[in-house]
């Protein structure tokens, strides 16, 4: 059976639909479940507020990941790269849902800046894809490396008693490391130090704002 080739309009409509699902609370469902039970009773108000802030950062990171992958898929040159970007975006949906649910359980809210970060990330992803698939894949790897650093830092701040949050972050870390590895194996460009340093600065600006807003 011949596979349908989507037009540019189809691709834009699909991206628009994905953006609505990403930015609308409760619009997505996770394919995988979190086994750990809630342990909120063991967290005091200060701890709950701090953890909610950390999970808000991670949720916004997943919003950015969705936008980045969708933008890259829209402009990727090779069908294999386009499919890889879409597959990565699908796997990141679990992370998006897990973070959103945990924030709600902790009495927090998702970042009000998510629409802004989505738009910026989509534009960056589309630009990277338009330059070349090699750059696009390299950007994925470099971005995932930044995400892994955040997750490792957050895990050090989460108390052992909060098993649910820890399980979420641990599963996310495994997935993100795999995405970075796959991107490089697929031919991603290894970014030089100065570019990675710039990405780190942008990442710190994002985390500083979304922790509170």
N, C-alpha and C. Protein backbone atom coordinates (compact mmCIF):
# COMPACT_ATOMS: atom_id res chain seq x y z
N UNK A 1 0.84 -1.20 0.00
CA UNK A 1 0.00 0.00 0.00
C UNK A 1 0.87 1.24 0.00
N UNK A 2 0.59 2.14 -0.89
CA UNK A 2 1.42 3.34 -1.02
C UNK A 2 1.15 4.32 0.12
N UNK A 3 2.22 4.79 0.73
CA UNK A 3 2.11 5.71 1.85
C UNK A 3 1.84 7.12 1.35
N UNK A 4 0.89 7.77 1.99
CA UNK A 4 0.52 9.12 1.58
C UNK A 4 1.62 10.11 1.90
N UNK A 5 1.88 11.02 0.97
CA UNK A 5 2.84 12.10 1.20
C UNK A 5 2.08 13.34 1.62
N UNK A 6 2.43 13.88 2.75
CA UNK A 6 1.72 15.05 3.28
C UNK A 6 2.21 16.33 2.63
N UNK A 7 1.28 17.25 2.39
CA UNK A 7 1.62 18.55 1.81
C UNK A 7 2.15 19.47 2.90
N UNK A 8 2.67 20.63 2.47
CA UNK A 8 3.16 21.61 3.44
C UNK A 8 2.04 22.07 4.36
N UNK A 9 0.84 22.24 3.80
CA UNK A 9 -0.31 22.67 4.60
C UNK A 9 -0.65 21.60 5.64
N UNK A 10 -0.61 20.32 5.22
CA UNK A 10 -0.85 19.23 6.17
C UNK A 10 0.14 19.27 7.32
N UNK A 11 1.41 19.50 6.99
CA UNK A 11 2.46 19.53 8.01
C UNK A 11 2.24 20.69 8.99
N UNK A 12 1.86 21.85 8.47
CA UNK A 12 1.62 23.01 9.33
C UNK A 12 0.41 22.78 10.24
N UNK A 13 -0.64 22.18 9.69
CA UNK A 13 -1.83 21.90 10.49
C UNK A 13 -1.53 20.89 11.58
N UNK A 14 -0.70 19.89 11.24
CA UNK A 14 -0.29 18.90 12.23
C UNK A 14 0.53 19.55 13.34
N UNK A 15 1.43 20.45 12.98
CA UNK A 15 2.25 21.15 13.97
C UNK A 15 1.39 22.04 14.87
N UNK A 16 0.38 22.70 14.25
CA UNK A 16 -0.51 23.56 15.03
C UNK A 16 -1.31 22.74 16.03
N UNK A 17 -1.80 21.58 15.57
CA UNK A 17 -2.56 20.69 16.44
C UNK A 17 -1.69 20.22 17.61
N UNK A 18 -0.43 19.90 17.31
CA UNK A 18 0.48 19.45 18.36
C UNK A 18 0.75 20.55 19.37
N UNK A 19 0.86 21.78 18.88
CA UNK A 19 1.12 22.90 19.80
C UNK A 19 -0.04 23.09 20.77
N UNK A 20 -1.28 22.94 20.26
CA UNK A 20 -2.45 23.08 21.12
C UNK A 20 -2.47 21.98 22.19
N UNK A 21 -2.16 20.75 21.78
CA UNK A 21 -2.14 19.64 22.72
C UNK A 21 -1.04 19.82 23.76
N UNK A 22 0.10 20.35 23.34
CA UNK A 22 1.21 20.54 24.26
C UNK A 22 0.90 21.61 25.31
N UNK A 23 0.23 22.68 24.89
CA UNK A 23 0.00 23.82 25.77
C UNK A 23 -1.33 23.75 26.52
N UNK A 24 -2.17 22.76 26.22
CA UNK A 24 -3.46 22.62 26.89
C UNK A 24 -3.35 21.55 27.98
N UNK A 25 -3.67 21.93 29.20
CA UNK A 25 -3.56 21.00 30.33
C UNK A 25 -4.50 19.80 30.13
N UNK A 26 -3.97 18.62 30.40
CA UNK A 26 -4.77 17.42 30.32
C UNK A 26 -5.08 16.92 28.92
N UNK A 27 -4.46 17.52 27.91
CA UNK A 27 -4.77 17.14 26.52
C UNK A 27 -4.06 15.86 26.08
N UNK A 28 -3.01 15.47 26.80
CA UNK A 28 -2.24 14.28 26.43
C UNK A 28 -2.37 13.19 27.49
N UNK A 29 -2.08 11.97 27.09
CA UNK A 29 -2.07 10.84 28.01
C UNK A 29 -0.74 10.11 27.90
N UNK A 30 -0.24 9.64 29.02
CA UNK A 30 1.04 8.93 29.03
C UNK A 30 0.84 7.48 28.63
N UNK A 31 1.76 6.96 27.85
CA UNK A 31 1.71 5.55 27.46
C UNK A 31 2.25 4.66 28.58
N UNK A 32 3.12 5.23 29.43
CA UNK A 32 3.69 4.50 30.54
C UNK A 32 3.23 5.09 31.86
N UNK A 33 3.07 4.26 32.86
CA UNK A 33 2.61 4.72 34.16
C UNK A 33 3.76 4.79 35.16
N UNK A 34 3.57 5.59 36.18
CA UNK A 34 4.53 5.69 37.28
C UNK A 34 4.08 4.75 38.39
N UNK A 35 4.96 3.86 38.84
CA UNK A 35 4.59 2.83 39.80
C UNK A 35 4.51 3.35 41.24
N UNK A 36 5.39 4.29 41.57
CA UNK A 36 5.47 4.77 42.95
C UNK A 36 4.17 5.46 43.39
N UNK A 37 3.80 5.24 44.64
CA UNK A 37 2.63 5.88 45.19
C UNK A 37 2.97 7.30 45.63
N UNK A 38 1.91 8.09 45.80
CA UNK A 38 2.12 9.46 46.28
C UNK A 38 2.64 9.43 47.72
N UNK A 39 3.54 10.34 48.00
CA UNK A 39 4.12 10.42 49.35
C UNK A 39 4.06 11.85 49.87
N UNK A 40 3.02 12.57 49.44
CA UNK A 40 2.93 13.99 49.79
C UNK A 40 2.85 14.21 51.30
N UNK A 41 2.31 13.25 52.03
CA UNK A 41 2.15 13.43 53.48
C UNK A 41 3.50 13.55 54.19
N UNK A 42 4.56 13.08 53.55
CA UNK A 42 5.88 13.13 54.16
C UNK A 42 6.64 14.41 53.78
N UNK A 43 6.01 15.26 52.99
CA UNK A 43 6.64 16.50 52.57
C UNK A 43 5.98 17.67 53.28
N UNK A 44 6.79 18.58 53.82
CA UNK A 44 6.20 19.77 54.42
C UNK A 44 5.89 20.79 53.32
N UNK A 45 5.28 21.89 53.69
CA UNK A 45 4.83 22.88 52.71
C UNK A 45 6.00 23.47 51.91
N UNK A 46 7.11 23.71 52.59
CA UNK A 46 8.28 24.28 51.93
C UNK A 46 8.86 23.31 50.90
N UNK A 47 8.94 22.03 51.27
CA UNK A 47 9.46 21.02 50.36
C UNK A 47 8.55 20.87 49.13
N UNK A 48 7.25 20.81 49.38
CA UNK A 48 6.29 20.66 48.28
C UNK A 48 6.39 21.82 47.30
N UNK A 49 6.54 23.03 47.82
CA UNK A 49 6.64 24.20 46.97
C UNK A 49 7.92 24.16 46.13
N UNK A 50 9.02 23.76 46.76
CA UNK A 50 10.30 23.69 46.05
C UNK A 50 10.27 22.62 44.96
N UNK A 51 9.74 21.44 45.31
CA UNK A 51 9.69 20.35 44.33
C UNK A 51 8.76 20.71 43.18
N UNK A 52 7.66 21.37 43.49
CA UNK A 52 6.74 21.82 42.43
C UNK A 52 7.46 22.78 41.49
N UNK A 53 8.31 23.64 42.06
CA UNK A 53 9.08 24.58 41.23
C UNK A 53 10.05 23.86 40.32
N UNK A 54 10.71 22.82 40.85
CA UNK A 54 11.64 22.04 40.04
C UNK A 54 10.90 21.30 38.93
N UNK A 55 9.74 20.74 39.26
CA UNK A 55 8.96 20.01 38.26
C UNK A 55 8.37 20.96 37.22
N UNK A 56 8.13 22.20 37.61
CA UNK A 56 7.66 23.21 36.65
C UNK A 56 8.76 23.48 35.62
N UNK A 57 10.01 23.53 36.09
CA UNK A 57 11.15 23.69 35.17
C UNK A 57 11.19 22.52 34.19
N UNK A 58 11.05 21.30 34.73
CA UNK A 58 11.11 20.12 33.87
C UNK A 58 9.94 20.06 32.89
N UNK A 59 8.78 20.49 33.35
CA UNK A 59 7.61 20.52 32.46
C UNK A 59 7.84 21.49 31.30
N UNK A 60 8.36 22.67 31.61
CA UNK A 60 8.64 23.65 30.56
C UNK A 60 9.71 23.10 29.61
N UNK A 61 10.67 22.37 30.16
CA UNK A 61 11.67 21.73 29.31
C UNK A 61 11.05 20.77 28.33
N UNK A 62 10.02 20.05 28.77
CA UNK A 62 9.32 19.12 27.88
C UNK A 62 8.47 19.84 26.86
N UNK A 63 7.91 20.98 27.23
CA UNK A 63 7.19 21.82 26.28
C UNK A 63 8.15 22.27 25.17
N UNK A 64 9.34 22.69 25.59
CA UNK A 64 10.35 23.12 24.63
C UNK A 64 10.80 21.96 23.74
N UNK A 65 10.90 20.77 24.33
CA UNK A 65 11.31 19.59 23.56
C UNK A 65 10.29 19.27 22.48
N UNK A 66 9.00 19.33 22.84
CA UNK A 66 7.95 19.09 21.85
C UNK A 66 8.05 20.09 20.71
N UNK A 67 8.24 21.36 21.05
CA UNK A 67 8.33 22.40 20.03
C UNK A 67 9.56 22.22 19.16
N UNK A 68 10.67 21.89 19.81
CA UNK A 68 11.93 21.70 19.09
C UNK A 68 11.81 20.57 18.07
N UNK A 69 11.30 19.44 18.51
CA UNK A 69 11.18 18.27 17.62
C UNK A 69 10.18 18.54 16.49
N UNK A 70 9.08 19.22 16.79
CA UNK A 70 8.09 19.51 15.76
C UNK A 70 8.67 20.47 14.71
N UNK A 71 9.41 21.45 15.18
CA UNK A 71 10.03 22.39 14.25
C UNK A 71 11.05 21.71 13.37
N UNK A 72 11.83 20.81 13.95
CA UNK A 72 12.84 20.08 13.19
C UNK A 72 12.21 19.13 12.18
N UNK A 73 11.14 18.46 12.61
CA UNK A 73 10.46 17.52 11.71
C UNK A 73 9.87 18.25 10.51
N UNK A 74 9.46 19.50 10.72
CA UNK A 74 8.84 20.27 9.64
C UNK A 74 9.83 20.61 8.54
N UNK A 75 11.09 20.82 8.90
CA UNK A 75 12.08 21.28 7.91
C UNK A 75 13.17 20.27 7.60
N UNK A 76 13.11 19.08 8.23
CA UNK A 76 14.13 18.06 8.00
C UNK A 76 14.17 17.67 6.52
N UNK A 77 15.37 17.41 6.03
CA UNK A 77 15.55 17.07 4.62
C UNK A 77 15.20 15.61 4.35
N UNK A 78 15.69 14.70 5.20
CA UNK A 78 15.51 13.27 4.98
C UNK A 78 14.28 12.75 5.73
N UNK A 79 13.58 11.83 5.10
CA UNK A 79 12.39 11.25 5.72
C UNK A 79 12.76 10.51 7.00
N UNK A 80 13.92 9.85 7.01
CA UNK A 80 14.35 9.13 8.21
C UNK A 80 14.57 10.07 9.39
N UNK A 81 15.13 11.26 9.11
CA UNK A 81 15.34 12.25 10.17
C UNK A 81 14.00 12.78 10.66
N UNK A 82 13.09 13.04 9.73
CA UNK A 82 11.76 13.53 10.09
C UNK A 82 11.04 12.52 10.98
N UNK A 83 11.14 11.26 10.63
CA UNK A 83 10.49 10.21 11.43
C UNK A 83 11.14 10.08 12.81
N UNK A 84 12.46 10.25 12.86
CA UNK A 84 13.17 10.18 14.14
C UNK A 84 12.74 11.31 15.06
N UNK A 85 12.57 12.52 14.50
CA UNK A 85 12.13 13.65 15.30
C UNK A 85 10.72 13.43 15.84
N UNK A 86 9.85 12.88 14.99
CA UNK A 86 8.48 12.63 15.42
C UNK A 86 8.42 11.56 16.49
N UNK A 87 9.23 10.52 16.34
CA UNK A 87 9.27 9.45 17.33
C UNK A 87 9.77 9.98 18.68
N UNK A 88 10.79 10.81 18.65
CA UNK A 88 11.31 11.39 19.89
C UNK A 88 10.24 12.25 20.57
N UNK A 89 9.51 13.03 19.76
CA UNK A 89 8.45 13.87 20.31
C UNK A 89 7.37 13.01 20.97
N UNK A 90 7.04 11.88 20.36
CA UNK A 90 6.04 10.99 20.93
C UNK A 90 6.49 10.44 22.28
N UNK A 91 7.75 10.08 22.37
CA UNK A 91 8.27 9.53 23.62
C UNK A 91 8.33 10.59 24.72
N UNK A 92 8.52 11.84 24.33
CA UNK A 92 8.60 12.92 25.31
C UNK A 92 7.24 13.27 25.89
N UNK A 93 6.15 12.82 25.25
CA UNK A 93 4.81 13.11 25.75
C UNK A 93 4.62 12.54 27.15
N UNK A 94 5.17 11.34 27.39
CA UNK A 94 5.09 10.76 28.73
C UNK A 94 5.67 11.72 29.76
N UNK A 95 6.82 12.29 29.46
CA UNK A 95 7.47 13.21 30.38
C UNK A 95 6.58 14.42 30.64
N UNK A 96 5.99 14.93 29.59
CA UNK A 96 5.12 16.10 29.70
C UNK A 96 3.96 15.82 30.66
N UNK A 97 3.33 14.67 30.48
CA UNK A 97 2.18 14.30 31.31
C UNK A 97 2.60 14.03 32.75
N UNK A 98 3.70 13.29 32.92
CA UNK A 98 4.17 12.99 34.28
C UNK A 98 4.44 14.26 35.07
N UNK A 99 5.14 15.20 34.45
CA UNK A 99 5.49 16.45 35.14
C UNK A 99 4.24 17.26 35.47
N UNK A 100 3.33 17.34 34.52
CA UNK A 100 2.10 18.11 34.74
C UNK A 100 1.29 17.52 35.89
N UNK A 101 1.15 16.20 35.92
CA UNK A 101 0.39 15.55 36.98
C UNK A 101 1.05 15.74 38.34
N UNK A 102 2.38 15.63 38.38
CA UNK A 102 3.08 15.76 39.66
C UNK A 102 2.99 17.19 40.19
N UNK A 103 3.08 18.17 39.31
CA UNK A 103 2.93 19.57 39.72
C UNK A 103 1.56 19.78 40.35
N UNK A 104 0.53 19.24 39.72
CA UNK A 104 -0.84 19.36 40.23
C UNK A 104 -0.97 18.72 41.60
N UNK A 105 -0.38 17.52 41.77
CA UNK A 105 -0.45 16.82 43.06
C UNK A 105 0.24 17.60 44.16
N UNK A 106 1.27 18.34 43.80
CA UNK A 106 2.03 19.12 44.79
C UNK A 106 1.40 20.49 45.04
N UNK A 107 0.30 20.78 44.37
CA UNK A 107 -0.40 22.04 44.58
C UNK A 107 0.19 23.21 43.81
N UNK A 108 1.00 22.91 42.78
CA UNK A 108 1.62 23.98 41.99
C UNK A 108 0.91 24.20 40.67
N UNK A 109 1.53 24.97 39.80
CA UNK A 109 0.97 25.29 38.49
C UNK A 109 2.08 25.22 37.44
N UNK A 110 1.70 24.94 36.21
CA UNK A 110 2.67 24.95 35.12
C UNK A 110 3.03 26.40 34.80
N UNK A 111 4.13 26.60 34.12
CA UNK A 111 4.63 27.95 33.86
C UNK A 111 3.71 28.74 32.92
N UNK A 112 3.48 30.00 33.28
CA UNK A 112 2.68 30.89 32.43
C UNK A 112 3.46 31.30 31.18
N UNK A 113 4.75 31.01 31.17
CA UNK A 113 5.60 31.40 30.04
C UNK A 113 5.71 30.32 28.97
N UNK A 114 5.00 29.21 29.16
CA UNK A 114 5.12 28.09 28.23
C UNK A 114 4.83 28.45 26.77
N UNK A 115 3.79 29.25 26.47
CA UNK A 115 3.55 29.60 25.06
C UNK A 115 4.73 30.33 24.43
N UNK A 116 5.38 31.20 25.21
CA UNK A 116 6.54 31.94 24.71
C UNK A 116 7.69 30.98 24.41
N UNK A 117 7.98 30.10 25.36
CA UNK A 117 9.08 29.15 25.18
C UNK A 117 8.79 28.16 24.05
N UNK A 118 7.53 27.80 23.87
CA UNK A 118 7.17 26.90 22.78
C UNK A 118 7.48 27.56 21.44
N UNK A 119 7.04 28.81 21.30
CA UNK A 119 7.28 29.53 20.04
C UNK A 119 8.75 29.68 19.73
N UNK A 120 9.55 30.03 20.73
CA UNK A 120 10.99 30.20 20.53
C UNK A 120 11.65 28.87 20.15
N UNK A 121 11.28 27.82 20.85
CA UNK A 121 11.89 26.51 20.59
C UNK A 121 11.49 25.97 19.22
N UNK A 122 10.25 26.18 18.83
CA UNK A 122 9.80 25.73 17.51
C UNK A 122 10.60 26.43 16.41
N UNK A 123 10.81 27.74 16.59
CA UNK A 123 11.56 28.51 15.60
C UNK A 123 13.01 28.03 15.50
N UNK A 124 13.63 27.77 16.66
CA UNK A 124 15.01 27.27 16.68
C UNK A 124 15.10 25.90 16.01
N UNK A 125 14.13 25.03 16.33
CA UNK A 125 14.12 23.70 15.73
C UNK A 125 13.95 23.75 14.22
N UNK A 126 13.04 24.60 13.76
CA UNK A 126 12.80 24.72 12.32
C UNK A 126 14.03 25.27 11.61
N UNK A 127 14.71 26.22 12.26
CA UNK A 127 15.93 26.80 11.68
C UNK A 127 17.03 25.75 11.59
N UNK A 128 17.20 24.99 12.66
CA UNK A 128 18.24 23.94 12.67
C UNK A 128 17.97 22.91 11.59
N UNK A 129 16.70 22.52 11.44
CA UNK A 129 16.34 21.55 10.41
C UNK A 129 16.55 22.09 9.02
N UNK A 130 16.31 23.39 8.83
CA UNK A 130 16.47 24.01 7.52
C UNK A 130 17.94 24.10 7.12
N UNK A 131 18.82 24.25 8.12
CA UNK A 131 20.26 24.33 7.83
C UNK A 131 20.75 22.99 7.31
N UNK A 132 20.53 21.93 8.10
CA UNK A 132 20.90 20.58 7.67
C UNK A 132 20.44 19.58 8.72
N UNK A 133 20.24 18.34 8.30
CA UNK A 133 19.86 17.30 9.24
C UNK A 133 20.98 17.05 10.25
N UNK A 134 22.22 17.20 9.82
CA UNK A 134 23.37 16.99 10.69
C UNK A 134 23.35 17.99 11.85
N UNK A 135 23.08 19.26 11.53
CA UNK A 135 22.99 20.30 12.56
C UNK A 135 21.78 20.04 13.47
N UNK A 136 20.66 19.66 12.84
CA UNK A 136 19.45 19.40 13.60
C UNK A 136 19.65 18.30 14.62
N UNK A 137 20.25 17.20 14.20
CA UNK A 137 20.51 16.08 15.11
C UNK A 137 21.53 16.45 16.18
N UNK A 138 22.51 17.25 15.80
CA UNK A 138 23.50 17.71 16.76
C UNK A 138 22.87 18.60 17.83
N UNK A 139 21.92 19.41 17.39
CA UNK A 139 21.22 20.28 18.34
C UNK A 139 20.40 19.47 19.32
N UNK A 140 19.78 18.38 18.83
CA UNK A 140 19.04 17.48 19.72
C UNK A 140 19.97 16.92 20.79
N UNK A 141 21.12 16.42 20.37
CA UNK A 141 22.08 15.82 21.31
C UNK A 141 22.54 16.84 22.34
N UNK A 142 22.88 18.04 21.89
CA UNK A 142 23.37 19.09 22.80
C UNK A 142 22.27 19.52 23.77
N UNK A 143 21.04 19.60 23.28
CA UNK A 143 19.91 19.98 24.13
C UNK A 143 19.64 18.91 25.18
N UNK A 144 19.66 17.66 24.74
CA UNK A 144 19.41 16.57 25.68
C UNK A 144 20.50 16.50 26.76
N UNK A 145 21.72 16.83 26.39
CA UNK A 145 22.80 16.87 27.38
C UNK A 145 22.49 17.91 28.46
N UNK A 146 21.95 19.07 28.04
CA UNK A 146 21.58 20.11 29.00
C UNK A 146 20.46 19.62 29.91
N UNK A 147 19.48 18.94 29.33
CA UNK A 147 18.35 18.41 30.10
C UNK A 147 18.83 17.40 31.13
N UNK A 148 19.75 16.54 30.73
CA UNK A 148 20.28 15.53 31.64
C UNK A 148 20.96 16.17 32.85
N UNK A 149 21.67 17.25 32.63
CA UNK A 149 22.34 17.94 33.73
C UNK A 149 21.31 18.49 34.72
N UNK A 150 20.21 19.05 34.18
CA UNK A 150 19.15 19.57 35.04
C UNK A 150 18.53 18.44 35.86
N UNK A 151 18.24 17.33 35.21
CA UNK A 151 17.61 16.20 35.90
C UNK A 151 18.51 15.65 37.01
N UNK A 152 19.79 15.53 36.73
CA UNK A 152 20.73 15.04 37.73
C UNK A 152 20.82 15.99 38.92
N UNK A 153 20.82 17.30 38.64
CA UNK A 153 20.84 18.29 39.71
C UNK A 153 19.57 18.23 40.54
N UNK A 154 18.42 18.08 39.87
CA UNK A 154 17.15 18.02 40.59
C UNK A 154 17.05 16.77 41.44
N UNK A 155 17.55 15.66 40.95
CA UNK A 155 17.51 14.42 41.72
C UNK A 155 18.28 14.56 43.04
N UNK A 156 19.33 15.35 43.03
CA UNK A 156 20.11 15.57 44.24
C UNK A 156 19.32 16.39 45.26
N UNK A 157 18.32 17.13 44.78
CA UNK A 157 17.54 18.00 45.67
C UNK A 157 16.24 17.36 46.15
N UNK A 158 15.85 16.25 45.54
CA UNK A 158 14.60 15.59 45.91
C UNK A 158 14.86 14.61 47.05
N UNK A 159 14.13 14.71 48.16
CA UNK A 159 14.34 13.79 49.29
C UNK A 159 14.01 12.35 48.90
N UNK A 160 14.68 11.41 49.53
CA UNK A 160 14.48 9.99 49.24
C UNK A 160 13.04 9.57 49.49
N UNK A 161 12.36 10.24 50.40
CA UNK A 161 10.98 9.88 50.73
C UNK A 161 10.01 10.17 49.59
N UNK A 162 10.37 11.11 48.71
CA UNK A 162 9.49 11.45 47.58
C UNK A 162 9.79 10.51 46.42
N UNK A 163 9.30 9.28 46.56
CA UNK A 163 9.61 8.24 45.59
C UNK A 163 8.99 8.51 44.22
N UNK A 164 7.83 9.13 44.21
CA UNK A 164 7.15 9.36 42.93
C UNK A 164 7.93 10.35 42.07
N UNK A 165 8.31 11.48 42.65
CA UNK A 165 9.07 12.47 41.89
C UNK A 165 10.39 11.89 41.42
N UNK A 166 11.04 11.14 42.29
CA UNK A 166 12.33 10.55 41.94
C UNK A 166 12.18 9.55 40.79
N UNK A 167 11.12 8.76 40.82
CA UNK A 167 10.92 7.79 39.74
C UNK A 167 10.69 8.51 38.41
N UNK A 168 9.93 9.59 38.44
CA UNK A 168 9.68 10.37 37.22
C UNK A 168 11.00 10.89 36.65
N UNK A 169 11.80 11.51 37.50
CA UNK A 169 13.06 12.10 37.03
C UNK A 169 14.04 11.03 36.56
N UNK A 170 14.06 9.90 37.25
CA UNK A 170 14.98 8.82 36.85
C UNK A 170 14.60 8.24 35.49
N UNK A 171 13.31 8.06 35.25
CA UNK A 171 12.86 7.55 33.96
C UNK A 171 13.12 8.57 32.85
N UNK A 172 12.89 9.84 33.15
CA UNK A 172 13.16 10.89 32.18
C UNK A 172 14.63 10.92 31.81
N UNK A 173 15.49 10.77 32.82
CA UNK A 173 16.94 10.82 32.59
C UNK A 173 17.38 9.70 31.65
N UNK A 174 16.85 8.51 31.85
CA UNK A 174 17.20 7.38 30.98
C UNK A 174 16.78 7.67 29.54
N UNK A 175 15.57 8.20 29.36
CA UNK A 175 15.06 8.49 28.02
C UNK A 175 15.89 9.58 27.34
N UNK A 176 16.21 10.63 28.09
CA UNK A 176 16.94 11.76 27.50
C UNK A 176 18.35 11.34 27.09
N UNK A 177 18.98 10.53 27.91
CA UNK A 177 20.32 10.04 27.55
C UNK A 177 20.26 9.20 26.28
N UNK A 178 19.20 8.41 26.14
CA UNK A 178 19.04 7.58 24.94
C UNK A 178 18.81 8.44 23.71
N UNK A 179 18.02 9.50 23.85
CA UNK A 179 17.75 10.39 22.71
C UNK A 179 19.03 11.09 22.24
N UNK A 180 19.85 11.50 23.19
CA UNK A 180 21.12 12.16 22.83
C UNK A 180 22.03 11.18 22.09
N UNK A 181 22.10 9.95 22.59
CA UNK A 181 22.95 8.93 21.96
C UNK A 181 22.46 8.60 20.55
N UNK A 182 21.16 8.43 20.40
CA UNK A 182 20.59 8.10 19.09
C UNK A 182 20.85 9.21 18.09
N UNK A 183 20.72 10.46 18.54
CA UNK A 183 20.93 11.60 17.64
C UNK A 183 22.36 11.63 17.12
N UNK A 184 23.32 11.37 17.98
CA UNK A 184 24.72 11.36 17.54
C UNK A 184 25.02 10.16 16.65
N UNK A 185 24.44 9.02 16.99
CA UNK A 185 24.63 7.83 16.17
C UNK A 185 24.05 8.00 14.78
N UNK A 186 23.01 8.84 14.67
CA UNK A 186 22.36 9.07 13.38
C UNK A 186 23.12 10.09 12.52
N UNK A 187 24.22 10.61 13.06
CA UNK A 187 25.03 11.54 12.27
C UNK A 187 25.01 12.97 12.75
N UNK A 188 24.61 13.17 14.01
CA UNK A 188 24.54 14.52 14.56
C UNK A 188 25.91 15.19 14.65
N UNK A 189 25.92 16.50 14.47
CA UNK A 189 27.15 17.28 14.55
C UNK A 189 27.50 17.54 16.01
N UNK A 190 28.74 17.28 16.39
CA UNK A 190 29.20 17.57 17.75
C UNK A 190 29.45 19.08 17.87
N UNK A 191 28.66 19.75 18.67
CA UNK A 191 28.77 21.20 18.80
C UNK A 191 30.02 21.59 19.58
N UNK A 192 30.69 22.67 19.18
CA UNK A 192 31.88 23.14 19.90
C UNK A 192 31.52 23.73 21.25
N UNK A 193 32.52 23.85 22.11
CA UNK A 193 32.34 24.35 23.47
C UNK A 193 31.61 25.68 23.59
N UNK A 194 31.99 26.71 22.79
CA UNK A 194 31.33 28.02 22.91
C UNK A 194 29.82 27.96 22.67
N UNK A 195 29.40 27.14 21.72
CA UNK A 195 27.96 27.02 21.45
C UNK A 195 27.26 26.34 22.63
N UNK A 196 27.89 25.30 23.17
CA UNK A 196 27.31 24.62 24.33
C UNK A 196 27.24 25.56 25.53
N UNK A 197 28.24 26.43 25.67
CA UNK A 197 28.25 27.39 26.78
C UNK A 197 27.10 28.37 26.63
N UNK A 198 26.84 28.80 25.41
CA UNK A 198 25.73 29.72 25.14
C UNK A 198 24.39 29.04 25.45
N UNK A 199 24.28 27.77 25.10
CA UNK A 199 23.07 27.02 25.39
C UNK A 199 22.86 26.88 26.89
N UNK A 200 23.96 26.73 27.63
CA UNK A 200 23.87 26.63 29.09
C UNK A 200 23.35 27.92 29.70
N UNK A 201 23.80 29.06 29.19
CA UNK A 201 23.34 30.36 29.68
C UNK A 201 21.85 30.54 29.42
N UNK A 202 21.40 30.17 28.22
CA UNK A 202 19.98 30.27 27.89
C UNK A 202 19.16 29.35 28.77
N UNK A 203 19.70 28.17 29.02
CA UNK A 203 19.02 27.21 29.87
C UNK A 203 18.85 27.74 31.29
N UNK A 204 19.89 28.38 31.81
CA UNK A 204 19.83 28.94 33.16
C UNK A 204 18.80 30.06 33.25
N UNK A 205 18.69 30.86 32.20
CA UNK A 205 17.70 31.93 32.16
C UNK A 205 16.29 31.35 32.19
N UNK A 206 16.09 30.26 31.45
CA UNK A 206 14.78 29.61 31.42
C UNK A 206 14.42 29.04 32.79
N UNK A 207 15.36 28.34 33.42
CA UNK A 207 15.07 27.71 34.70
C UNK A 207 14.82 28.74 35.78
N UNK A 208 15.53 29.85 35.75
CA UNK A 208 15.38 30.89 36.77
C UNK A 208 13.98 31.50 36.72
N UNK A 209 13.45 31.66 35.52
CA UNK A 209 12.13 32.29 35.37
C UNK A 209 11.00 31.29 35.63
N UNK A 210 11.12 30.09 35.07
CA UNK A 210 10.01 29.14 35.19
C UNK A 210 9.89 28.53 36.58
N UNK A 211 10.94 28.60 37.38
CA UNK A 211 10.85 28.08 38.75
C UNK A 211 9.76 28.82 39.53
N UNK A 212 9.57 30.09 39.22
CA UNK A 212 8.62 30.90 39.96
C UNK A 212 7.39 31.28 39.16
N UNK A 213 7.55 31.46 37.83
CA UNK A 213 6.44 32.01 37.02
C UNK A 213 5.71 30.90 36.26
